[in-house]
């Protein structure tokens, strides 16, 4: 399960499909060539997203996990 507190490195390793999702929302990650360290929440806030938007991203990505299982 993806949470705000997941480290970007762990997110990319556990759920590689999230790389493309994050890129489409302007959040680059380790596999994209722009290393980002810290949590998903920290990366999203750095890119200007508010808490509601972050919650929406997390909800969508967790839904993607459900669809792949």
PDB file of N, CA and C in Angstrom:
ATOM      1  N   UNK A   1       0.843  -1.184   0.000  1.00  0.00           N
ATOM      2  CA  UNK A   1       0.000   0.000   0.000  1.00  0.00           C
ATOM      3  C   UNK A   1       0.888   1.248   0.000  1.00  0.00           C
ATOM      4  N   UNK A   2       0.484   2.220  -0.778  1.00  0.00           N
ATOM      5  CA  UNK A   2       1.219   3.471  -0.891  1.00  0.00           C
ATOM      6  C   UNK A   2       0.645   4.477   0.105  1.00  0.00           C
ATOM      7  N   UNK A   3       1.532   5.137   0.820  1.00  0.00           N
ATOM      8  CA  UNK A   3       1.138   6.192   1.758  1.00  0.00           C
ATOM      9  C   UNK A   3       1.978   7.432   1.478  1.00  0.00           C
ATOM     10  N   UNK A   4       1.610   8.534   2.114  1.00  0.00           N
ATOM     11  CA  UNK A   4       2.380   9.772   1.979  1.00  0.00           C
ATOM     12  C   UNK A   4       3.806   9.586   2.462  1.00  0.00           C
ATOM     13  N   UNK A   5       3.975   8.702   3.430  1.00  0.00           N
ATOM     14  CA  UNK A   5       5.279   8.529   4.073  1.00  0.00           C
ATOM     15  C   UNK A   5       6.213   7.582   3.328  1.00  0.00           C
ATOM     16  N   UNK A   6       5.756   6.979   2.228  1.00  0.00           N
ATOM     17  CA  UNK A   6       6.633   6.046   1.513  1.00  0.00           C
ATOM     18  C   UNK A   6       7.799   6.818   0.905  1.00  0.00           C
ATOM     19  N   UNK A   7       8.976   6.257   1.061  1.00  0.00           N
ATOM     20  CA  UNK A   7      10.166   6.856   0.463  1.00  0.00           C
ATOM     21  C   UNK A   7      10.092   6.667  -1.056  1.00  0.00           C
ATOM     22  N   UNK A   8      10.464   7.704  -1.792  1.00  0.00           N
ATOM     23  CA  UNK A   8      10.421   7.635  -3.258  1.00  0.00           C
ATOM     24  C   UNK A   8      11.191   6.415  -3.763  1.00  0.00           C
ATOM     25  N   UNK A   9      12.339   6.154  -3.191  1.00  0.00           N
ATOM     26  CA  UNK A   9      13.151   5.007  -3.606  1.00  0.00           C
ATOM     27  C   UNK A   9      12.375   3.693  -3.435  1.00  0.00           C
ATOM     28  N   UNK A  10      11.678   3.549  -2.313  1.00  0.00           N
ATOM     29  CA  UNK A  10      10.879   2.346  -2.065  1.00  0.00           C
ATOM     30  C   UNK A  10       9.682   2.274  -3.005  1.00  0.00           C
ATOM     31  N   UNK A  11       9.061   3.407  -3.247  1.00  0.00           N
ATOM     32  CA  UNK A  11       7.907   3.463  -4.143  1.00  0.00           C
ATOM     33  C   UNK A  11       8.280   2.951  -5.531  1.00  0.00           C
ATOM     34  N   UNK A  12       9.381   3.458  -6.053  1.00  0.00           N
ATOM     35  CA  UNK A  12       9.824   3.076  -7.403  1.00  0.00           C
ATOM     36  C   UNK A  12      10.226   1.605  -7.458  1.00  0.00           C
ATOM     37  N   UNK A  13      10.878   1.133  -6.403  1.00  0.00           N
ATOM     38  CA  UNK A  13      11.321  -0.270  -6.386  1.00  0.00           C
ATOM     39  C   UNK A  13      10.132  -1.219  -6.279  1.00  0.00           C
ATOM     40  N   UNK A  14       9.188  -0.923  -5.403  1.00  0.00           N
ATOM     41  CA  UNK A  14       8.050  -1.816  -5.174  1.00  0.00           C
ATOM     42  C   UNK A  14       6.985  -1.710  -6.268  1.00  0.00           C
ATOM     43  N   UNK A  15       6.806  -0.517  -6.787  1.00  0.00           N
ATOM     44  CA  UNK A  15       5.737  -0.261  -7.750  1.00  0.00           C
ATOM     45  C   UNK A  15       6.281   0.519  -8.944  1.00  0.00           C
ATOM     46  N   UNK A  16       7.028  -0.139  -9.814  1.00  0.00           N
ATOM     47  CA  UNK A  16       7.672   0.567 -10.932  1.00  0.00           C
ATOM     48  C   UNK A  16       6.694   1.307 -11.844  1.00  0.00           C
ATOM     49  N   UNK A  17       5.458   0.863 -11.903  1.00  0.00           N
ATOM     50  CA  UNK A  17       4.473   1.529 -12.758  1.00  0.00           C
ATOM     51  C   UNK A  17       4.191   2.954 -12.305  1.00  0.00           C
ATOM     52  N   UNK A  18       4.528   3.277 -11.051  1.00  0.00           N
ATOM     53  CA  UNK A  18       4.250   4.623 -10.543  1.00  0.00           C
ATOM     54  C   UNK A  18       5.165   5.677 -11.161  1.00  0.00           C
ATOM     55  N   UNK A  19       6.280   5.251 -11.732  1.00  0.00           N
ATOM     56  CA  UNK A  19       7.208   6.205 -12.347  1.00  0.00           C
ATOM     57  C   UNK A  19       6.481   7.011 -13.417  1.00  0.00           C
ATOM     58  N   UNK A  20       5.807   6.333 -14.317  1.00  0.00           N
ATOM     59  CA  UNK A  20       5.095   7.026 -15.402  1.00  0.00           C
ATOM     60  C   UNK A  20       3.980   7.890 -14.833  1.00  0.00           C
ATOM     61  N   UNK A  21       3.244   7.369 -13.865  1.00  0.00           N
ATOM     62  CA  UNK A  21       2.159   8.133 -13.247  1.00  0.00           C
ATOM     63  C   UNK A  21       2.698   9.427 -12.634  1.00  0.00           C
ATOM     64  N   UNK A  22       3.766   9.319 -11.862  1.00  0.00           N
ATOM     65  CA  UNK A  22       4.336  10.499 -11.219  1.00  0.00           C
ATOM     66  C   UNK A  22       4.860  11.492 -12.251  1.00  0.00           C
ATOM     67  N   UNK A  23       5.482  10.992 -13.299  1.00  0.00           N
ATOM     68  CA  UNK A  23       6.001  11.883 -14.341  1.00  0.00           C
ATOM     69  C   UNK A  23       4.889  12.679 -14.995  1.00  0.00           C
ATOM     70  N   UNK A  24       3.734  12.049 -15.234  1.00  0.00           N
ATOM     71  CA  UNK A  24       2.632  12.773 -15.868  1.00  0.00           C
ATOM     72  C   UNK A  24       2.080  13.874 -14.971  1.00  0.00           C
ATOM     73  N   UNK A  25       2.389  13.798 -13.684  1.00  0.00           N
ATOM     74  CA  UNK A  25       1.942  14.817 -12.740  1.00  0.00           C
ATOM     75  C   UNK A  25       3.083  15.756 -12.331  1.00  0.00           C
ATOM     76  N   UNK A  26       4.209  15.662 -13.027  1.00  0.00           N
ATOM     77  CA  UNK A  26       5.306  16.583 -12.790  1.00  0.00           C
ATOM     78  C   UNK A  26       6.223  16.218 -11.653  1.00  0.00           C
ATOM     79  N   UNK A  27       6.098  15.002 -11.139  1.00  0.00           N
ATOM     80  CA  UNK A  27       6.975  14.558 -10.059  1.00  0.00           C
ATOM     81  C   UNK A  27       7.948  13.547 -10.640  1.00  0.00           C
ATOM     82  N   UNK A  28       9.171  13.987 -10.832  1.00  0.00           N
ATOM     83  CA  UNK A  28      10.182  13.082 -11.367  1.00  0.00           C
ATOM     84  C   UNK A  28      10.749  12.259 -10.225  1.00  0.00           C
ATOM     85  N   UNK A  29      11.333  11.145 -10.561  1.00  0.00           N
ATOM     86  CA  UNK A  29      11.835  10.250  -9.520  1.00  0.00           C
ATOM     87  C   UNK A  29      13.151   9.618  -9.947  1.00  0.00           C
ATOM     88  N   UNK A  30      13.674   8.765  -9.125  1.00  0.00           N
ATOM     89  CA  UNK A  30      14.991   8.173  -9.322  1.00  0.00           C
ATOM     90  C   UNK A  30      15.159   7.582 -10.722  1.00  0.00           C
ATOM     91  N   UNK A  31      14.219   6.773 -11.142  1.00  0.00           N
ATOM     92  CA  UNK A  31      14.328   6.096 -12.430  1.00  0.00           C
ATOM     93  C   UNK A  31      14.190   7.058 -13.606  1.00  0.00           C
ATOM     94  N   UNK A  32      13.747   8.272 -13.335  1.00  0.00           N
ATOM     95  CA  UNK A  32      13.510   9.239 -14.406  1.00  0.00           C
ATOM     96  C   UNK A  32      14.733  10.096 -14.699  1.00  0.00           C
ATOM     97  N   UNK A  33      15.802   9.902 -13.948  1.00  0.00           N
ATOM     98  CA  UNK A  33      17.007  10.671 -14.187  1.00  0.00           C
ATOM     99  C   UNK A  33      17.182  11.862 -13.264  1.00  0.00           C
ATOM    100  N   UNK A  34      16.174  12.238 -12.528  1.00  0.00           N
ATOM    101  CA  UNK A  34      16.278  13.334 -11.562  1.00  0.00           C
ATOM    102  C   UNK A  34      16.088  12.738 -10.178  1.00  0.00           C
ATOM    103  N   UNK A  35      17.189  12.442  -9.496  1.00  0.00           N
ATOM    104  CA  UNK A  35      17.041  11.772  -8.197  1.00  0.00           C
ATOM    105  C   UNK A  35      16.291  12.624  -7.185  1.00  0.00           C
ATOM    106  N   UNK A  36      15.319  12.030  -6.573  1.00  0.00           N
ATOM    107  CA  UNK A  36      14.571  12.673  -5.500  1.00  0.00           C
ATOM    108  C   UNK A  36      14.641  11.754  -4.306  1.00  0.00           C
ATOM    109  N   UNK A  37      15.031  12.299  -3.179  1.00  0.00           N
ATOM    110  CA  UNK A  37      15.097  11.531  -1.949  1.00  0.00           C
ATOM    111  C   UNK A  37      14.027  12.070  -1.022  1.00  0.00           C
ATOM    112  N   UNK A  38      13.605  11.243  -0.119  1.00  0.00           N
ATOM    113  CA  UNK A  38      12.569  11.648   0.820  1.00  0.00           C
ATOM    114  C   UNK A  38      11.273  10.934   0.510  1.00  0.00           C
ATOM    115  N   UNK A  39      10.210  11.442   1.065  1.00  0.00           N
ATOM    116  CA  UNK A  39       8.915  10.787   0.939  1.00  0.00           C
ATOM    117  C   UNK A  39       8.144  11.287  -0.273  1.00  0.00           C
ATOM    118  N   UNK A  40       7.113  10.558  -0.614  1.00  0.00           N
ATOM    119  CA  UNK A  40       6.221  10.969  -1.688  1.00  0.00           C
ATOM    120  C   UNK A  40       5.598  12.321  -1.350  1.00  0.00           C
ATOM    121  N   UNK A  41       5.178  12.483  -0.111  1.00  0.00           N
ATOM    122  CA  UNK A  41       4.572  13.744   0.305  1.00  0.00           C
ATOM    123  C   UNK A  41       5.558  14.908   0.147  1.00  0.00           C
ATOM    124  N   UNK A  42       6.788  14.717   0.581  1.00  0.00           N
ATOM    125  CA  UNK A  42       7.796  15.778   0.468  1.00  0.00           C
ATOM    126  C   UNK A  42       8.043  16.156  -0.987  1.00  0.00           C
ATOM    127  N   UNK A  43       8.133  15.154  -1.856  1.00  0.00           N
ATOM    128  CA  UNK A  43       8.372  15.415  -3.280  1.00  0.00           C
ATOM    129  C   UNK A  43       7.200  16.171  -3.898  1.00  0.00           C
ATOM    130  N   UNK A  44       5.983  15.785  -3.540  1.00  0.00           N
ATOM    131  CA  UNK A  44       4.796  16.440  -4.089  1.00  0.00           C
ATOM    132  C   UNK A  44       4.685  17.881  -3.594  1.00  0.00           C
ATOM    133  N   UNK A  45       4.947  18.093  -2.325  1.00  0.00           N
ATOM    134  CA  UNK A  45       4.891  19.455  -1.775  1.00  0.00           C
ATOM    135  C   UNK A  45       5.946  20.334  -2.450  1.00  0.00           C
ATOM    136  N   UNK A  46       7.125  19.766  -2.663  1.00  0.00           N
ATOM    137  CA  UNK A  46       8.200  20.504  -3.328  1.00  0.00           C
ATOM    138  C   UNK A  46       7.772  20.954  -4.726  1.00  0.00           C
ATOM    139  N   UNK A  47       6.925  20.155  -5.366  1.00  0.00           N
ATOM    140  CA  UNK A  47       6.445  20.495  -6.710  1.00  0.00           C
ATOM    141  C   UNK A  47       5.176  21.351  -6.678  1.00  0.00           C
ATOM    142  N   UNK A  48       4.728  21.729  -5.460  1.00  0.00           N
ATOM    143  CA  UNK A  48       3.613  22.666  -5.350  1.00  0.00           C
ATOM    144  C   UNK A  48       2.238  22.053  -5.172  1.00  0.00           C
ATOM    145  N   UNK A  49       2.158  20.754  -4.903  1.00  0.00           N
ATOM    146  CA  UNK A  49       0.862  20.112  -4.719  1.00  0.00           C
ATOM    147  C   UNK A  49       0.372  20.279  -3.287  1.00  0.00           C
ATOM    148  N   UNK A  50      -0.950  20.429  -3.135  1.00  0.00           N
ATOM    149  CA  UNK A  50      -1.525  20.540  -1.795  1.00  0.00           C
ATOM    150  C   UNK A  50      -1.925  19.161  -1.275  1.00  0.00           C
ATOM    151  N   UNK A  51      -2.370  19.108  -0.036  1.00  0.00           N
ATOM    152  CA  UNK A  51      -2.681  17.822   0.604  1.00  0.00           C
ATOM    153  C   UNK A  51      -3.813  17.075  -0.107  1.00  0.00           C
ATOM    154  N   UNK A  52      -4.816  17.799  -0.589  1.00  0.00           N
ATOM    155  CA  UNK A  52      -5.911  17.127  -1.309  1.00  0.00           C
ATOM    156  C   UNK A  52      -5.408  16.479  -2.589  1.00  0.00           C
ATOM    157  N   UNK A  53      -4.541  17.170  -3.302  1.00  0.00           N
ATOM    158  CA  UNK A  53      -3.976  16.604  -4.532  1.00  0.00           C
ATOM    159  C   UNK A  53      -3.101  15.394  -4.224  1.00  0.00           C
ATOM    160  N   UNK A  54      -2.332  15.482  -3.165  1.00  0.00           N
ATOM    161  CA  UNK A  54      -1.479  14.360  -2.770  1.00  0.00           C
ATOM    162  C   UNK A  54      -2.331  13.153  -2.397  1.00  0.00           C
ATOM    163  N   UNK A  55      -3.393  13.384  -1.639  1.00  0.00           N
ATOM    164  CA  UNK A  55      -4.312  12.297  -1.271  1.00  0.00           C
ATOM    165  C   UNK A  55      -4.924  11.661  -2.517  1.00  0.00           C
ATOM    166  N   UNK A  56      -5.262  12.489  -3.509  1.00  0.00           N
ATOM    167  CA  UNK A  56      -5.828  11.975  -4.757  1.00  0.00           C
ATOM    168  C   UNK A  56      -4.814  11.091  -5.482  1.00  0.00           C
ATOM    169  N   UNK A  57      -3.550  11.548  -5.584  1.00  0.00           N
ATOM    170  CA  UNK A  57      -2.504  10.752  -6.234  1.00  0.00           C
ATOM    171  C   UNK A  57      -2.364   9.398  -5.551  1.00  0.00           C
ATOM    172  N   UNK A  58      -2.323   9.419  -4.238  1.00  0.00           N
ATOM    173  CA  UNK A  58      -2.152   8.187  -3.474  1.00  0.00           C
ATOM    174  C   UNK A  58      -3.325   7.248  -3.708  1.00  0.00           C
ATOM    175  N   UNK A  59      -4.519   7.798  -3.695  1.00  0.00           N
ATOM    176  CA  UNK A  59      -5.718   6.993  -3.939  1.00  0.00           C
ATOM    177  C   UNK A  59      -5.668   6.361  -5.331  1.00  0.00           C
ATOM    178  N   UNK A  60      -5.312   7.141  -6.335  1.00  0.00           N
ATOM    179  CA  UNK A  60      -5.226   6.610  -7.703  1.00  0.00           C
ATOM    180  C   UNK A  60      -4.169   5.516  -7.820  1.00  0.00           C
ATOM    181  N   UNK A  61      -2.996   5.746  -7.239  1.00  0.00           N
ATOM    182  CA  UNK A  61      -1.933   4.744  -7.337  1.00  0.00           C
ATOM    183  C   UNK A  61      -2.300   3.476  -6.584  1.00  0.00           C
ATOM    184  N   UNK A  62      -2.946   3.603  -5.440  1.00  0.00           N
ATOM    185  CA  UNK A  62      -3.397   2.399  -4.714  1.00  0.00           C
ATOM    186  C   UNK A  62      -4.464   1.660  -5.522  1.00  0.00           C
ATOM    187  N   UNK A  63      -5.292   2.386  -6.245  1.00  0.00           N
ATOM    188  CA  UNK A  63      -6.249   1.743  -7.133  1.00  0.00           C
ATOM    189  C   UNK A  63      -5.564   0.996  -8.254  1.00  0.00           C
ATOM    190  N   UNK A  64      -4.462   1.534  -8.737  1.00  0.00           N
ATOM    191  CA  UNK A  64      -3.690   0.847  -9.777  1.00  0.00           C
ATOM    192  C   UNK A  64      -3.106  -0.459  -9.228  1.00  0.00           C
ATOM    193  N   UNK A  65      -2.663  -0.437  -7.979  1.00  0.00           N
ATOM    194  CA  UNK A  65      -2.147  -1.664  -7.351  1.00  0.00           C
ATOM    195  C   UNK A  65      -3.239  -2.716  -7.299  1.00  0.00           C
ATOM    196  N   UNK A  66      -4.424  -2.319  -6.898  1.00  0.00           N
ATOM    197  CA  UNK A  66      -5.557  -3.249  -6.796  1.00  0.00           C
ATOM    198  C   UNK A  66      -5.876  -3.885  -8.137  1.00  0.00           C
ATOM    199  N   UNK A  67      -5.715  -3.107  -9.212  1.00  0.00           N
ATOM    200  CA  UNK A  67      -6.040  -3.614 -10.544  1.00  0.00           C
ATOM    201  C   UNK A  67      -4.983  -4.558 -11.082  1.00  0.00           C
ATOM    202  N   UNK A  68      -3.768  -4.533 -10.504  1.00  0.00           N
ATOM    203  CA  UNK A  68      -2.702  -5.395 -11.009  1.00  0.00           C
ATOM    204  C   UNK A  68      -2.608  -6.703 -10.242  1.00  0.00           C
ATOM    205  N   UNK A  69      -3.319  -6.800  -9.137  1.00  0.00           N
ATOM    206  CA  UNK A  69      -3.252  -8.017  -8.309  1.00  0.00           C
ATOM    207  C   UNK A  69      -4.261  -9.029  -8.783  1.00  0.00           C
TER     208      UNK A  69
END
